[in-house]
C-alpha cells in the first residue's frame, strides 16, 4: 500500500453521512462503537486488516518505508514446469507443440491443434 493510500483511508475514518451513525463491532474486539458512516466503518476494517498483515501500524501509518515492490527472483528452468521441444505453436509461437493422444498439444500454453 502506498503511503498516500493509508492517508486517504485515515481521512475516511471521519467521513460522515446524514443519518449515517450506526453501531458496529470494533475490528479485532467484541466492543461496540458508533461510526459516522458505512464508509468510515469500511475504512476502519481495511486499516485493521493492514495492521494485522503488518503493513500499517494501529494508527494507520506504514510500518516501514513504502516504495517500489521487490521483483521476485526468476527460478531456474530446472525448478519450473518442463516444456517439451516440438513444432511451433500457432497460439503462443513457442516451439513446444507435440503429439499427445493423437492430437497436437502445446506444452507451454495448453492449446490443442489438429487431431488424427
PDB file of N, CA and C in Angstrom:
ATOM      1  N   UNK A   1       0.844  -1.167   0.000  1.00  0.00           N
ATOM      2  CA  UNK A   1       0.000   0.000   0.000  1.00  0.00           C
ATOM      3  C   UNK A   1       0.887   1.226   0.000  1.00  0.00           C
ATOM      4  N   UNK A   2       0.583   2.179  -0.798  1.00  0.00           N
ATOM      5  CA  UNK A   2       1.341   3.418  -0.898  1.00  0.00           C
ATOM      6  C   UNK A   2       0.991   4.300   0.293  1.00  0.00           C
ATOM      7  N   UNK A   3       1.918   5.131   0.722  1.00  0.00           N
ATOM      8  CA  UNK A   3       1.715   5.980   1.896  1.00  0.00           C
ATOM      9  C   UNK A   3       0.500   6.888   1.733  1.00  0.00           C
ATOM     10  N   UNK A   4       0.259   7.412   0.528  1.00  0.00           N
ATOM     11  CA  UNK A   4      -0.907   8.269   0.340  1.00  0.00           C
ATOM     12  C   UNK A   4      -2.194   7.464   0.431  1.00  0.00           C
ATOM     13  N   UNK A   5      -2.144   6.176   0.123  1.00  0.00           N
ATOM     14  CA  UNK A   5      -3.328   5.325   0.253  1.00  0.00           C
ATOM     15  C   UNK A   5      -3.743   5.186   1.698  1.00  0.00           C
ATOM     16  N   UNK A   6      -2.775   5.013   2.592  1.00  0.00           N
ATOM     17  CA  UNK A   6      -3.114   4.912   4.012  1.00  0.00           C
ATOM     18  C   UNK A   6      -3.603   6.260   4.537  1.00  0.00           C
ATOM     19  N   UNK A   7      -3.076   7.357   4.002  1.00  0.00           N
ATOM     20  CA  UNK A   7      -3.533   8.680   4.413  1.00  0.00           C
ATOM     21  C   UNK A   7      -4.997   8.871   4.015  1.00  0.00           C
ATOM     22  N   UNK A   8      -5.357   8.427   2.819  1.00  0.00           N
ATOM     23  CA  UNK A   8      -6.744   8.550   2.362  1.00  0.00           C
ATOM     24  C   UNK A   8      -7.671   7.716   3.234  1.00  0.00           C
ATOM     25  N   UNK A   9      -7.229   6.523   3.612  1.00  0.00           N
ATOM     26  CA  UNK A   9      -8.046   5.694   4.499  1.00  0.00           C
ATOM     27  C   UNK A   9      -8.231   6.373   5.854  1.00  0.00           C
ATOM     28  N   UNK A  10      -7.173   6.974   6.384  1.00  0.00           N
ATOM     29  CA  UNK A  10      -7.283   7.673   7.671  1.00  0.00           C
ATOM     30  C   UNK A  10      -8.258   8.835   7.576  1.00  0.00           C
ATOM     31  N   UNK A  11      -8.273   9.547   6.442  1.00  0.00           N
ATOM     32  CA  UNK A  11      -9.215  10.657   6.264  1.00  0.00           C
ATOM     33  C   UNK A  11     -10.653  10.154   6.229  1.00  0.00           C
ATOM     34  N   UNK A  12     -10.863   8.955   5.678  1.00  0.00           N
ATOM     35  CA  UNK A  12     -12.219   8.408   5.590  1.00  0.00           C
ATOM     36  C   UNK A  12     -12.769   7.969   6.942  1.00  0.00           C
ATOM     37  N   UNK A  13     -11.914   7.850   7.949  1.00  0.00           N
ATOM     38  CA  UNK A  13     -12.383   7.440   9.277  1.00  0.00           C
ATOM     39  C   UNK A  13     -13.385   8.429   9.859  1.00  0.00           C
ATOM     40  N   UNK A  14     -13.312   9.691   9.456  1.00  0.00           N
ATOM     41  CA  UNK A  14     -14.223  10.719   9.970  1.00  0.00           C
ATOM     42  C   UNK A  14     -15.281  11.121   8.954  1.00  0.00           C
ATOM     43  N   UNK A  15     -15.369  10.396   7.845  1.00  0.00           N
ATOM     44  CA  UNK A  15     -16.343  10.721   6.802  1.00  0.00           C
ATOM     45  C   UNK A  15     -17.748  10.442   7.325  1.00  0.00           C
ATOM     46  N   UNK A  16     -18.601  11.450   7.295  1.00  0.00           N
ATOM     47  CA  UNK A  16     -19.960  11.293   7.805  1.00  0.00           C
ATOM     48  C   UNK A  16     -21.002  11.314   6.705  1.00  0.00           C
ATOM     49  N   UNK A  17     -22.144  10.717   6.998  1.00  0.00           N
ATOM     50  CA  UNK A  17     -23.310  10.733   6.114  1.00  0.00           C
ATOM     51  C   UNK A  17     -24.489  11.243   6.927  1.00  0.00           C
ATOM     52  N   UNK A  18     -25.454  11.902   6.282  1.00  0.00           N
ATOM     53  CA  UNK A  18     -26.655  12.282   7.020  1.00  0.00           C
ATOM     54  C   UNK A  18     -27.351  11.021   7.543  1.00  0.00           C
ATOM     55  N   UNK A  19     -27.652  11.012   8.812  1.00  0.00           N
ATOM     56  CA  UNK A  19     -28.290   9.860   9.468  1.00  0.00           C
ATOM     57  C   UNK A  19     -27.483   8.586   9.263  1.00  0.00           C
ATOM     58  N   UNK A  20     -26.175   8.723   9.172  1.00  0.00           N
ATOM     59  CA  UNK A  20     -25.326   7.572   8.880  1.00  0.00           C
ATOM     60  C   UNK A  20     -24.754   6.872  10.093  1.00  0.00           C
ATOM     61  N   UNK A  21     -24.973   7.439  11.302  1.00  0.00           N
ATOM     62  CA  UNK A  21     -24.420   6.811  12.502  1.00  0.00           C
ATOM     63  C   UNK A  21     -25.001   5.419  12.709  1.00  0.00           C
ATOM     64  N   UNK A  22     -24.133   4.493  13.036  1.00  0.00           N
ATOM     65  CA  UNK A  22     -24.601   3.149  13.395  1.00  0.00           C
ATOM     66  C   UNK A  22     -23.597   2.492  14.320  1.00  0.00           C
ATOM     67  N   UNK A  23     -24.072   1.524  15.058  1.00  0.00           N
ATOM     68  CA  UNK A  23     -23.226   0.780  15.987  1.00  0.00           C
ATOM     69  C   UNK A  23     -22.698  -0.457  15.281  1.00  0.00           C
ATOM     70  N   UNK A  24     -21.423  -0.719  15.465  1.00  0.00           N
ATOM     71  CA  UNK A  24     -20.810  -1.920  14.896  1.00  0.00           C
ATOM     72  C   UNK A  24     -19.632  -2.310  15.775  1.00  0.00           C
ATOM     73  N   UNK A  25     -19.188  -3.534  15.614  1.00  0.00           N
ATOM     74  CA  UNK A  25     -18.049  -4.015  16.399  1.00  0.00           C
ATOM     75  C   UNK A  25     -16.767  -3.302  15.999  1.00  0.00           C
ATOM     76  N   UNK A  26     -15.960  -3.048  16.994  1.00  0.00           N
ATOM     77  CA  UNK A  26     -14.621  -2.520  16.751  1.00  0.00           C
ATOM     78  C   UNK A  26     -13.815  -3.675  16.166  1.00  0.00           C
ATOM     79  N   UNK A  27     -13.171  -3.492  15.012  1.00  0.00           N
ATOM     80  CA  UNK A  27     -12.412  -4.594  14.414  1.00  0.00           C
ATOM     81  C   UNK A  27     -11.393  -5.180  15.389  1.00  0.00           C
ATOM     82  N   UNK A  28     -11.416  -6.505  15.529  1.00  0.00           N
ATOM     83  CA  UNK A  28     -10.494  -7.193  16.415  1.00  0.00           C
ATOM     84  C   UNK A  28     -10.913  -7.177  17.869  1.00  0.00           C
ATOM     85  N   UNK A  29     -12.153  -6.776  18.150  1.00  0.00           N
ATOM     86  CA  UNK A  29     -12.625  -6.675  19.528  1.00  0.00           C
ATOM     87  C   UNK A  29     -14.093  -7.082  19.595  1.00  0.00           C
ATOM     88  N   UNK A  30     -14.580  -7.296  20.798  1.00  0.00           N
ATOM     89  CA  UNK A  30     -16.006  -7.585  20.972  1.00  0.00           C
ATOM     90  C   UNK A  30     -16.761  -6.320  21.357  1.00  0.00           C
ATOM     91  N   UNK A  31     -16.049  -5.217  21.568  1.00  0.00           N
ATOM     92  CA  UNK A  31     -16.671  -3.944  21.935  1.00  0.00           C
ATOM     93  C   UNK A  31     -17.414  -3.355  20.744  1.00  0.00           C
ATOM     94  N   UNK A  32     -18.438  -2.572  21.045  1.00  0.00           N
ATOM     95  CA  UNK A  32     -19.211  -1.882  20.016  1.00  0.00           C
ATOM     96  C   UNK A  32     -18.825  -0.404  20.018  1.00  0.00           C
ATOM     97  N   UNK A  33     -18.953   0.216  18.849  1.00  0.00           N
ATOM     98  CA  UNK A  33     -18.628   1.635  18.724  1.00  0.00           C
ATOM     99  C   UNK A  33     -19.557   2.246  17.693  1.00  0.00           C
ATOM    100  N   UNK A  34     -19.820   3.537  17.823  1.00  0.00           N
ATOM    101  CA  UNK A  34     -20.649   4.247  16.858  1.00  0.00           C
ATOM    102  C   UNK A  34     -19.738   4.825  15.774  1.00  0.00           C
ATOM    103  N   UNK A  35     -20.093   4.587  14.517  1.00  0.00           N
ATOM    104  CA  UNK A  35     -19.324   5.085  13.377  1.00  0.00           C
ATOM    105  C   UNK A  35     -20.170   6.108  12.632  1.00  0.00           C
ATOM    106  N   UNK A  36     -19.544   7.176  12.072  1.00  0.00           N
ATOM    107  CA  UNK A  36     -20.313   8.222  11.400  1.00  0.00           C
ATOM    108  C   UNK A  36     -20.911   7.801  10.058  1.00  0.00           C
ATOM    109  N   UNK A  37     -20.421   6.707   9.466  1.00  0.00           N
ATOM    110  CA  UNK A  37     -20.951   6.256   8.175  1.00  0.00           C
ATOM    111  C   UNK A  37     -20.453   4.848   7.888  1.00  0.00           C
ATOM    112  N   UNK A  38     -21.067   4.224   6.901  1.00  0.00           N
ATOM    113  CA  UNK A  38     -20.591   2.902   6.480  1.00  0.00           C
ATOM    114  C   UNK A  38     -19.202   3.019   5.865  1.00  0.00           C
ATOM    115  N   UNK A  39     -18.945   4.122   5.172  1.00  0.00           N
ATOM    116  CA  UNK A  39     -17.631   4.348   4.566  1.00  0.00           C
ATOM    117  C   UNK A  39     -16.564   4.415   5.650  1.00  0.00           C
ATOM    118  N   UNK A  40     -16.878   5.105   6.729  1.00  0.00           N
ATOM    119  CA  UNK A  40     -15.953   5.205   7.853  1.00  0.00           C
ATOM    120  C   UNK A  40     -15.662   3.829   8.439  1.00  0.00           C
ATOM    121  N   UNK A  41     -16.693   3.018   8.589  1.00  0.00           N
ATOM    122  CA  UNK A  41     -16.515   1.683   9.160  1.00  0.00           C
ATOM    123  C   UNK A  41     -15.679   0.792   8.240  1.00  0.00           C
ATOM    124  N   UNK A  42     -15.931   0.845   6.937  1.00  0.00           N
ATOM    125  CA  UNK A  42     -15.157   0.041   5.985  1.00  0.00           C
ATOM    126  C   UNK A  42     -13.691   0.484   5.995  1.00  0.00           C
ATOM    127  N   UNK A  43     -13.441   1.783   6.084  1.00  0.00           N
ATOM    128  CA  UNK A  43     -12.057   2.277   6.177  1.00  0.00           C
ATOM    129  C   UNK A  43     -11.387   1.727   7.433  1.00  0.00           C
ATOM    130  N   UNK A  44     -12.110   1.686   8.556  1.00  0.00           N
ATOM    131  CA  UNK A  44     -11.571   1.132   9.804  1.00  0.00           C
ATOM    132  C   UNK A  44     -11.250  -0.351   9.629  1.00  0.00           C
ATOM    133  N   UNK A  45     -12.140  -1.092   8.952  1.00  0.00           N
ATOM    134  CA  UNK A  45     -11.900  -2.522   8.709  1.00  0.00           C
ATOM    135  C   UNK A  45     -10.645  -2.743   7.866  1.00  0.00           C
ATOM    136  N   UNK A  46     -10.481  -1.938   6.815  1.00  0.00           N
ATOM    137  CA  UNK A  46      -9.316  -2.076   5.935  1.00  0.00           C
ATOM    138  C   UNK A  46      -8.033  -1.747   6.695  1.00  0.00           C
ATOM    139  N   UNK A  47      -8.055  -0.662   7.468  1.00  0.00           N
ATOM    140  CA  UNK A  47      -6.873  -0.295   8.249  1.00  0.00           C
ATOM    141  C   UNK A  47      -6.528  -1.382   9.265  1.00  0.00           C
ATOM    142  N   UNK A  48      -7.548  -1.964   9.884  1.00  0.00           N
ATOM    143  CA  UNK A  48      -7.306  -3.046  10.843  1.00  0.00           C
ATOM    144  C   UNK A  48      -6.677  -4.250  10.142  1.00  0.00           C
ATOM    145  N   UNK A  49      -7.188  -4.586   8.965  1.00  0.00           N
ATOM    146  CA  UNK A  49      -6.654  -5.730   8.217  1.00  0.00           C
ATOM    147  C   UNK A  49      -5.192  -5.497   7.844  1.00  0.00           C
ATOM    148  N   UNK A  50      -4.864  -4.291   7.367  1.00  0.00           N
ATOM    149  CA  UNK A  50      -3.476  -3.982   7.029  1.00  0.00           C
ATOM    150  C   UNK A  50      -2.584  -4.017   8.268  1.00  0.00           C
ATOM    151  N   UNK A  51      -3.127  -3.622   9.424  1.00  0.00           N
ATOM    152  CA  UNK A  51      -2.359  -3.713  10.670  1.00  0.00           C
ATOM    153  C   UNK A  51      -2.115  -5.176  11.024  1.00  0.00           C
ATOM    154  N   UNK A  52      -3.107  -6.030  10.820  1.00  0.00           N
ATOM    155  CA  UNK A  52      -2.955  -7.453  11.103  1.00  0.00           C
ATOM    156  C   UNK A  52      -1.909  -8.088  10.184  1.00  0.00           C
ATOM    157  N   UNK A  53      -1.810  -7.596   8.950  1.00  0.00           N
ATOM    158  CA  UNK A  53      -0.832  -8.112   7.987  1.00  0.00           C
ATOM    159  C   UNK A  53       0.563  -7.523   8.203  1.00  0.00           C
ATOM    160  N   UNK A  54       0.672  -6.526   9.085  1.00  0.00           N
ATOM    161  CA  UNK A  54       1.967  -5.914   9.369  1.00  0.00           C
ATOM    162  C   UNK A  54       2.374  -4.845   8.377  1.00  0.00           C
ATOM    163  N   UNK A  55       1.419  -4.370   7.576  1.00  0.00           N
ATOM    164  CA  UNK A  55       1.718  -3.334   6.586  1.00  0.00           C
ATOM    165  C   UNK A  55       1.627  -1.949   7.222  1.00  0.00           C
ATOM    166  N   UNK A  56       0.594  -1.759   8.056  1.00  0.00           N
ATOM    167  CA  UNK A  56       0.391  -0.494   8.753  1.00  0.00           C
ATOM    168  C   UNK A  56       0.414  -0.736  10.255  1.00  0.00           C
ATOM    169  N   UNK A  57       0.670   0.338  11.024  1.00  0.00           N
ATOM    170  CA  UNK A  57       0.577   0.204  12.478  1.00  0.00           C
ATOM    171  C   UNK A  57      -0.879   0.408  12.906  1.00  0.00           C
ATOM    172  N   UNK A  58      -1.142   0.395  14.206  1.00  0.00           N
ATOM    173  CA  UNK A  58      -2.511   0.512  14.725  1.00  0.00           C
ATOM    174  C   UNK A  58      -3.165   1.850  14.379  1.00  0.00           C
ATOM    175  N   UNK A  59      -2.352   2.885  14.113  1.00  0.00           N
ATOM    176  CA  UNK A  59      -2.881   4.205  13.776  1.00  0.00           C
ATOM    177  C   UNK A  59      -3.016   4.425  12.275  1.00  0.00           C
ATOM    178  N   UNK A  60      -2.676   3.425  11.467  1.00  0.00           N
ATOM    179  CA  UNK A  60      -2.824   3.540  10.023  1.00  0.00           C
ATOM    180  C   UNK A  60      -1.618   4.108   9.307  1.00  0.00           C
ATOM    181  N   UNK A  61      -0.461   4.104   9.958  1.00  0.00           N
ATOM    182  CA  UNK A  61       0.761   4.600   9.328  1.00  0.00           C
ATOM    183  C   UNK A  61       1.629   3.422   8.892  1.00  0.00           C
ATOM    184  N   UNK A  62       2.352   3.562   7.774  1.00  0.00           N
ATOM    185  CA  UNK A  62       3.194   2.458   7.288  1.00  0.00           C
ATOM    186  C   UNK A  62       4.225   2.030   8.328  1.00  0.00           C
ATOM    187  N   UNK A  63       4.400   0.730   8.471  1.00  0.00           N
ATOM    188  CA  UNK A  63       5.374   0.175   9.406  1.00  0.00           C
ATOM    189  C   UNK A  63       6.791   0.430   8.908  1.00  0.00           C
ATOM    190  N   UNK A  64       7.003   0.306   7.601  1.00  0.00           N
ATOM    191  CA  UNK A  64       8.312   0.597   7.020  1.00  0.00           C
ATOM    192  C   UNK A  64       8.109   1.422   5.760  1.00  0.00           C
ATOM    193  N   UNK A  65       9.186   1.988   5.270  1.00  0.00           N
ATOM    194  CA  UNK A  65       9.128   2.839   4.090  1.00  0.00           C
ATOM    195  C   UNK A  65       8.503   2.089   2.926  1.00  0.00           C
ATOM    196  N   UNK A  66       7.510   2.702   2.304  1.00  0.00           N
ATOM    197  CA  UNK A  66       6.858   2.089   1.154  1.00  0.00           C
ATOM    198  C   UNK A  66       7.507   2.616  -0.117  1.00  0.00           C
ATOM    199  N   UNK A  67       7.590   1.774  -1.103  1.00  0.00           N
ATOM    200  CA  UNK A  67       8.177   2.183  -2.368  1.00  0.00           C
ATOM    201  C   UNK A  67       7.875   1.149  -3.423  1.00  0.00           C
ATOM    202  N   UNK A  68       8.775   1.002  -4.353  1.00  0.00           N
ATOM    203  CA  UNK A  68       8.615   0.027  -5.420  1.00  0.00           C
ATOM    204  C   UNK A  68       8.671  -1.370  -4.816  1.00  0.00           C
ATOM    205  N   UNK A  69       7.752  -2.211  -5.246  1.00  0.00           N
ATOM    206  CA  UNK A  69       7.747  -3.580  -4.748  1.00  0.00           C
ATOM    207  C   UNK A  69       8.972  -4.332  -5.228  1.00  0.00           C
ATOM    208  N   UNK A  70       9.423  -5.258  -4.433  1.00  0.00           N
ATOM    209  CA  UNK A  70      10.568  -6.075  -4.799  1.00  0.00           C
ATOM    210  C   UNK A  70      10.179  -7.033  -5.914  1.00  0.00           C
ATOM    211  N   UNK A  71      11.005  -7.121  -6.926  1.00  0.00           N
ATOM    212  CA  UNK A  71      10.751  -8.037  -8.037  1.00  0.00           C
ATOM    213  C   UNK A  71      11.292  -9.402  -7.648  1.00  0.00           C
ATOM    214  N   UNK A  72      10.435 -10.430  -7.678  1.00  0.00           N
ATOM    215  CA  UNK A  72      10.912 -11.755  -7.270  1.00  0.00           C
ATOM    216  C   UNK A  72      11.988 -12.274  -8.214  1.00  0.00           C
ATOM    217  N   UNK A  73      12.901 -13.053  -7.659  1.00  0.00           N
ATOM    218  CA  UNK A  73      13.974 -13.631  -8.456  1.00  0.00           C
ATOM    219  C   UNK A  73      13.398 -14.719  -9.348  1.00  0.00           C
ATOM    220  N   UNK A  74      13.941 -14.824 -10.559  1.00  0.00           N
ATOM    221  CA  UNK A  74      13.480 -15.836 -11.503  1.00  0.00           C
ATOM    222  C   UNK A  74      13.981 -17.198 -11.080  1.00  0.00           C
ATOM    223  N   UNK A  75      13.124 -18.163 -11.215  1.00  0.00           N
ATOM    224  CA  UNK A  75      13.517 -19.537 -10.921  1.00  0.00           C
ATOM    225  C   UNK A  75      14.252 -20.101 -12.126  1.00  0.00           C
ATOM    226  N   UNK A  76      15.112 -21.036 -11.872  1.00  0.00           N
ATOM    227  CA  UNK A  76      15.823 -21.668 -12.974  1.00  0.00           C
ATOM    228  C   UNK A  76      14.859 -22.560 -13.739  1.00  0.00           C
ATOM    229  N   UNK A  77      15.195 -22.853 -14.979  1.00  0.00           N
ATOM    230  CA  UNK A  77      14.349 -23.707 -15.815  1.00  0.00           C
ATOM    231  C   UNK A  77      14.120 -25.065 -15.170  1.00  0.00           C
ATOM    232  N   UNK A  78      15.124 -25.587 -14.464  1.00  0.00           N
ATOM    233  CA  UNK A  78      15.011 -26.911 -13.854  1.00  0.00           C
ATOM    234  C   UNK A  78      13.945 -26.928 -12.768  1.00  0.00           C
ATOM    235  N   UNK A  79      13.741 -25.797 -12.072  1.00  0.00           N
ATOM    236  CA  UNK A  79      12.777 -25.751 -10.978  1.00  0.00           C
ATOM    237  C   UNK A  79      11.345 -25.573 -11.478  1.00  0.00           C
ATOM    238  N   UNK A  80      11.169 -24.992 -12.667  1.00  0.00           N
ATOM    239  CA  UNK A  80       9.836 -24.726 -13.191  1.00  0.00           C
ATOM    240  C   UNK A  80       9.236 -25.930 -13.887  1.00  0.00           C
ATOM    241  N   UNK A  81       8.063 -25.716 -14.479  1.00  0.00           N
ATOM    242  CA  UNK A  81       7.405 -26.781 -15.223  1.00  0.00           C
ATOM    243  C   UNK A  81       8.207 -27.086 -16.482  1.00  0.00           C
ATOM    244  N   UNK A  82       8.257 -28.350 -16.841  1.00  0.00           N
ATOM    245  CA  UNK A  82       9.038 -28.750 -18.009  1.00  0.00           C
ATOM    246  C   UNK A  82       8.233 -28.524 -19.280  1.00  0.00           C
ATOM    247  N   UNK A  83       8.907 -28.003 -20.299  1.00  0.00           N
ATOM    248  CA  UNK A  83       8.309 -27.876 -21.618  1.00  0.00           C
ATOM    249  C   UNK A  83       9.085 -28.773 -22.559  1.00  0.00           C
ATOM    250  N   UNK A  84       8.366 -29.428 -23.441  1.00  0.00           N
ATOM    251  CA  UNK A  84       8.994 -30.336 -24.392  1.00  0.00           C
ATOM    252  C   UNK A  84       9.156 -29.629 -25.726  1.00  0.00           C
ATOM    253  N   UNK A  85      10.292 -29.851 -26.384  1.00  0.00           N
ATOM    254  CA  UNK A  85      10.556 -29.229 -27.682  1.00  0.00           C
ATOM    255  C   UNK A  85       9.707 -29.896 -28.753  1.00  0.00           C
ATOM    256  N   UNK A  86       9.213 -29.102 -29.690  1.00  0.00           N
ATOM    257  CA  UNK A  86       8.396 -29.626 -30.777  1.00  0.00           C
ATOM    258  C   UNK A  86       8.224 -28.582 -31.860  1.00  0.00           C
ATOM    259  N   UNK A  87       7.100 -28.676 -32.598  1.00  0.00           N
ATOM    260  CA  UNK A  87       6.802 -27.705 -33.655  1.00  0.00           C
ATOM    261  C   UNK A  87       6.356 -26.377 -33.034  1.00  0.00           C
ATOM    262  N   UNK A  88       6.314 -25.324 -33.862  1.00  0.00           N
ATOM    263  CA  UNK A  88       5.907 -24.000 -33.394  1.00  0.00           C
ATOM    264  C   UNK A  88       4.386 -23.962 -33.217  1.00  0.00           C
ATOM    265  N   UNK A  89       3.946 -23.507 -32.048  1.00  0.00           N
ATOM    266  CA  UNK A  89       2.522 -23.395 -31.722  1.00  0.00           C
ATOM    267  C   UNK A  89       1.942 -22.147 -32.385  1.00  0.00           C
ATOM    268  N   UNK A  90       0.739 -22.257 -32.954  1.00  0.00           N
ATOM    269  CA  UNK A  90       0.088 -21.116 -33.604  1.00  0.00           C
ATOM    270  C   UNK A  90      -0.472 -20.126 -32.584  1.00  0.00           C
ATOM    271  N   UNK A  91      -0.700 -20.571 -31.352  1.00  0.00           N
ATOM    272  CA  UNK A  91      -1.258 -19.708 -30.309  1.00  0.00           C
ATOM    273  C   UNK A  91      -0.184 -18.856 -29.626  1.00  0.00           C
ATOM    274  N   UNK A  92       0.843 -19.522 -29.067  1.00  0.00           N
ATOM    275  CA  UNK A  92       1.851 -18.804 -28.275  1.00  0.00           C
ATOM    276  C   UNK A  92       3.180 -18.635 -29.006  1.00  0.00           C
ATOM    277  N   UNK A  93       3.320 -19.252 -30.163  1.00  0.00           N
ATOM    278  CA  UNK A  93       4.512 -19.141 -31.013  1.00  0.00           C
ATOM    279  C   UNK A  93       5.776 -19.701 -30.371  1.00  0.00           C
ATOM    280  N   UNK A  94       5.625 -20.608 -29.406  1.00  0.00           N
ATOM    281  CA  UNK A  94       6.768 -21.317 -28.833  1.00  0.00           C
ATOM    282  C   UNK A  94       6.926 -22.639 -29.568  1.00  0.00           C
ATOM    283  N   UNK A  95       8.135 -23.153 -29.632  1.00  0.00           N
ATOM    284  CA  UNK A  95       8.388 -24.438 -30.300  1.00  0.00           C
ATOM    285  C   UNK A  95       8.133 -25.575 -29.311  1.00  0.00           C
ATOM    286  N   UNK A  96       6.881 -25.699 -28.875  1.00  0.00           N
ATOM    287  CA  UNK A  96       6.535 -26.683 -27.848  1.00  0.00           C
ATOM    288  C   UNK A  96       5.289 -27.484 -28.216  1.00  0.00           C
ATOM    289  N   UNK A  97       5.012 -27.650 -29.500  1.00  0.00           N
ATOM    290  CA  UNK A  97       3.843 -28.399 -29.967  1.00  0.00           C
ATOM    291  C   UNK A  97       4.253 -29.847 -30.188  1.00  0.00           C
ATOM    292  N   UNK A  98       3.622 -30.766 -29.434  1.00  0.00           N
ATOM    293  CA  UNK A  98       3.950 -32.194 -29.520  1.00  0.00           C
ATOM    294  C   UNK A  98       2.685 -32.984 -29.834  1.00  0.00           C
ATOM    295  N   UNK A  99       2.846 -34.253 -30.159  1.00  0.00           N
ATOM    296  CA  UNK A  99       1.705 -35.154 -30.357  1.00  0.00           C
ATOM    297  C   UNK A  99       1.375 -35.779 -29.016  1.00  0.00           C
ATOM    298  N   UNK A 100       0.121 -35.665 -28.593  1.00  0.00           N
ATOM    299  CA  UNK A 100      -0.314 -36.252 -27.329  1.00  0.00           C
ATOM    300  C   UNK A 100      -1.691 -36.859 -27.547  1.00  0.00           C
ATOM    301  N   UNK A 101      -1.807 -38.142 -27.326  1.00  0.00           N
ATOM    302  CA  UNK A 101      -3.069 -38.870 -27.519  1.00  0.00           C
ATOM    303  C   UNK A 101      -3.637 -38.662 -28.920  1.00  0.00           C
ATOM    304  N   UNK A 102      -2.756 -38.580 -29.916  1.00  0.00           N
ATOM    305  CA  UNK A 102      -3.184 -38.438 -31.305  1.00  0.00           C
ATOM    306  C   UNK A 102      -3.479 -37.014 -31.732  1.00  0.00           C
ATOM    307  N   UNK A 103      -3.348 -36.051 -30.849  1.00  0.00           N
ATOM    308  CA  UNK A 103      -3.603 -34.644 -31.180  1.00  0.00           C
ATOM    309  C   UNK A 103      -2.352 -33.820 -30.912  1.00  0.00           C
ATOM    310  N   UNK A 104      -2.258 -32.682 -31.624  1.00  0.00           N
ATOM    311  CA  UNK A 104      -1.170 -31.762 -31.349  1.00  0.00           C
ATOM    312  C   UNK A 104      -1.504 -31.012 -30.063  1.00  0.00           C
ATOM    313  N   UNK A 105      -0.540 -30.932 -29.147  1.00  0.00           N
ATOM    314  CA  UNK A 105      -0.750 -30.305 -27.846  1.00  0.00           C
ATOM    315  C   UNK A 105       0.445 -29.422 -27.531  1.00  0.00           C
ATOM    316  N   UNK A 106       0.181 -28.176 -27.133  1.00  0.00           N
ATOM    317  CA  UNK A 106       1.258 -27.248 -26.778  1.00  0.00           C
ATOM    318  C   UNK A 106       1.555 -27.396 -25.294  1.00  0.00           C
ATOM    319  N   UNK A 107       2.802 -27.730 -24.971  1.00  0.00           N
ATOM    320  CA  UNK A 107       3.185 -27.905 -23.571  1.00  0.00           C
ATOM    321  C   UNK A 107       3.410 -26.567 -22.865  1.00  0.00           C
ATOM    322  N   UNK A 108       3.410 -25.457 -23.613  1.00  0.00           N
ATOM    323  CA  UNK A 108       3.560 -24.138 -22.994  1.00  0.00           C
ATOM    324  C   UNK A 108       2.214 -23.535 -22.622  1.00  0.00           C
ATOM    325  N   UNK A 109       1.298 -23.455 -23.588  1.00  0.00           N
ATOM    326  CA  UNK A 109       0.034 -22.762 -23.340  1.00  0.00           C
ATOM    327  C   UNK A 109      -1.171 -23.695 -23.249  1.00  0.00           C
ATOM    328  N   UNK A 110      -1.000 -24.976 -23.600  1.00  0.00           N
ATOM    329  CA  UNK A 110      -2.101 -25.931 -23.496  1.00  0.00           C
ATOM    330  C   UNK A 110      -3.026 -25.960 -24.697  1.00  0.00           C
ATOM    331  N   UNK A 111      -2.676 -25.238 -25.757  1.00  0.00           N
ATOM    332  CA  UNK A 111      -3.525 -25.224 -26.950  1.00  0.00           C
ATOM    333  C   UNK A 111      -3.552 -26.607 -27.591  1.00  0.00           C
ATOM    334  N   UNK A 112      -4.724 -26.982 -28.098  1.00  0.00           N
ATOM    335  CA  UNK A 112      -4.873 -28.267 -28.781  1.00  0.00           C
ATOM    336  C   UNK A 112      -5.053 -27.986 -30.262  1.00  0.00           C
ATOM    337  N   UNK A 113      -4.205 -28.646 -31.076  1.00  0.00           N
ATOM    338  CA  UNK A 113      -4.244 -28.435 -32.521  1.00  0.00           C
ATOM    339  C   UNK A 113      -4.967 -29.566 -33.222  1.00  0.00           C
ATOM    340  N   UNK A 114      -4.495 -29.876 -34.415  1.00  0.00           N
ATOM    341  CA  UNK A 114      -5.124 -30.892 -35.262  1.00  0.00           C
ATOM    342  C   UNK A 114      -5.001 -32.273 -34.626  1.00  0.00           C
ATOM    343  N   UNK A 115      -6.047 -33.067 -34.783  1.00  0.00           N
ATOM    344  CA  UNK A 115      -6.051 -34.442 -34.287  1.00  0.00           C
ATOM    345  C   UNK A 115      -6.076 -35.400 -35.469  1.00  0.00           C
ATOM    346  N   UNK A 116      -5.469 -36.583 -35.274  1.00  0.00           N
ATOM    347  CA  UNK A 116      -5.545 -37.611 -36.306  1.00  0.00           C
ATOM    348  C   UNK A 116      -4.249 -37.913 -36.966  1.00  0.00           C
TER     349      UNK A 116
END
